[in-house]
Amino acid sequence: MEQYLLSPEQYKLVSGDNDGAPLCPYGNHFEWIGYDTISEEYVRFTKSVFKLLVSEN
């Protein structure tokens, strides 16, 4: 949460079906996955950050 709050515009939620999106530990696609727009890589959010982003959409 601390890192997210320093630069919230850097992160967004994207569909887990996007090309290159990682699979969950059980081999399935995530419904939503975090994406860092600066480093251009997928990230896992804490539950609190995820809830915050979902409420904004």
Protein backbone atom coordinates (compact mmCIF):
# COMPACT_ATOMS: atom_id res chain seq x y z
CA MET A 1 0.00 0.00 0.00
CA GLU A 2 2.84 2.38 0.85
CA GLN A 3 4.46 1.97 -2.56
CA TYR A 4 1.11 2.36 -4.32
CA LEU A 5 0.29 5.57 -2.44
CA LEU A 6 3.61 7.12 -3.48
CA SER A 7 2.65 6.87 -7.15
CA PRO A 8 -0.92 5.61 -7.72
CA GLU A 9 -0.98 6.66 -11.39
CA GLN A 10 1.79 4.13 -12.03
CA TYR A 11 -0.48 1.14 -11.35
CA LYS A 12 -3.70 -0.15 -12.89
CA LEU A 13 -5.88 -3.25 -12.96
CA VAL A 14 -6.00 -5.19 -16.22
CA SER A 15 -7.74 -8.37 -17.31
CA GLY A 16 -5.92 -11.57 -16.40
CA ASP A 17 -6.57 -12.76 -19.97
CA ASN A 18 -4.09 -10.23 -21.44
CA ASP A 19 -1.07 -11.60 -23.29
CA GLY A 20 1.80 -12.20 -20.91
CA ALA A 21 -0.35 -12.08 -17.78
CA PRO A 22 0.82 -14.63 -15.22
CA LEU A 23 -1.32 -17.55 -14.18
CA CYS A 24 -2.48 -18.09 -10.61
CA PRO A 25 -0.68 -20.79 -8.58
CA TYR A 26 -3.35 -23.30 -9.68
CA GLY A 27 -2.69 -22.69 -13.39
CA ASN A 28 -5.78 -20.58 -14.08
CA HIS A 29 -6.02 -17.00 -15.32
CA PHE A 30 -6.59 -14.28 -12.74
CA GLU A 31 -9.78 -12.33 -13.36
CA TRP A 32 -7.82 -9.13 -12.65
CA ILE A 33 -4.09 -8.57 -12.27
CA GLY A 34 -2.06 -5.48 -11.41
CA TYR A 35 0.12 -3.78 -13.99
CA ASP A 36 3.00 -1.38 -13.39
CA THR A 37 2.97 1.10 -16.29
CA ILE A 38 6.52 2.35 -15.63
CA SER A 39 8.35 -0.99 -15.49
CA GLU A 40 5.76 -2.51 -17.86
CA GLU A 41 5.31 -5.70 -15.85
CA TYR A 42 2.53 -7.45 -14.03
CA VAL A 43 2.40 -7.12 -10.25
CA ARG A 44 0.37 -8.63 -7.43
CA PHE A 45 -1.46 -6.13 -5.25
CA THR A 46 -2.20 -6.44 -1.57
CA LYS A 47 -5.86 -6.93 -0.76
CA SER A 48 -6.19 -3.30 0.39
CA VAL A 49 -4.77 -1.88 -2.87
CA PHE A 50 -6.89 -4.27 -4.94
CA LYS A 51 -10.08 -3.17 -3.13
CA LEU A 52 -9.16 0.47 -3.63
CA LEU A 53 -8.64 0.02 -7.37
CA VAL A 54 -11.82 -2.04 -7.81
CA SER A 55 -13.88 0.64 -6.06
CA GLU A 56 -12.49 3.28 -8.46
CA ASN A 57 -13.63 1.34 -11.56
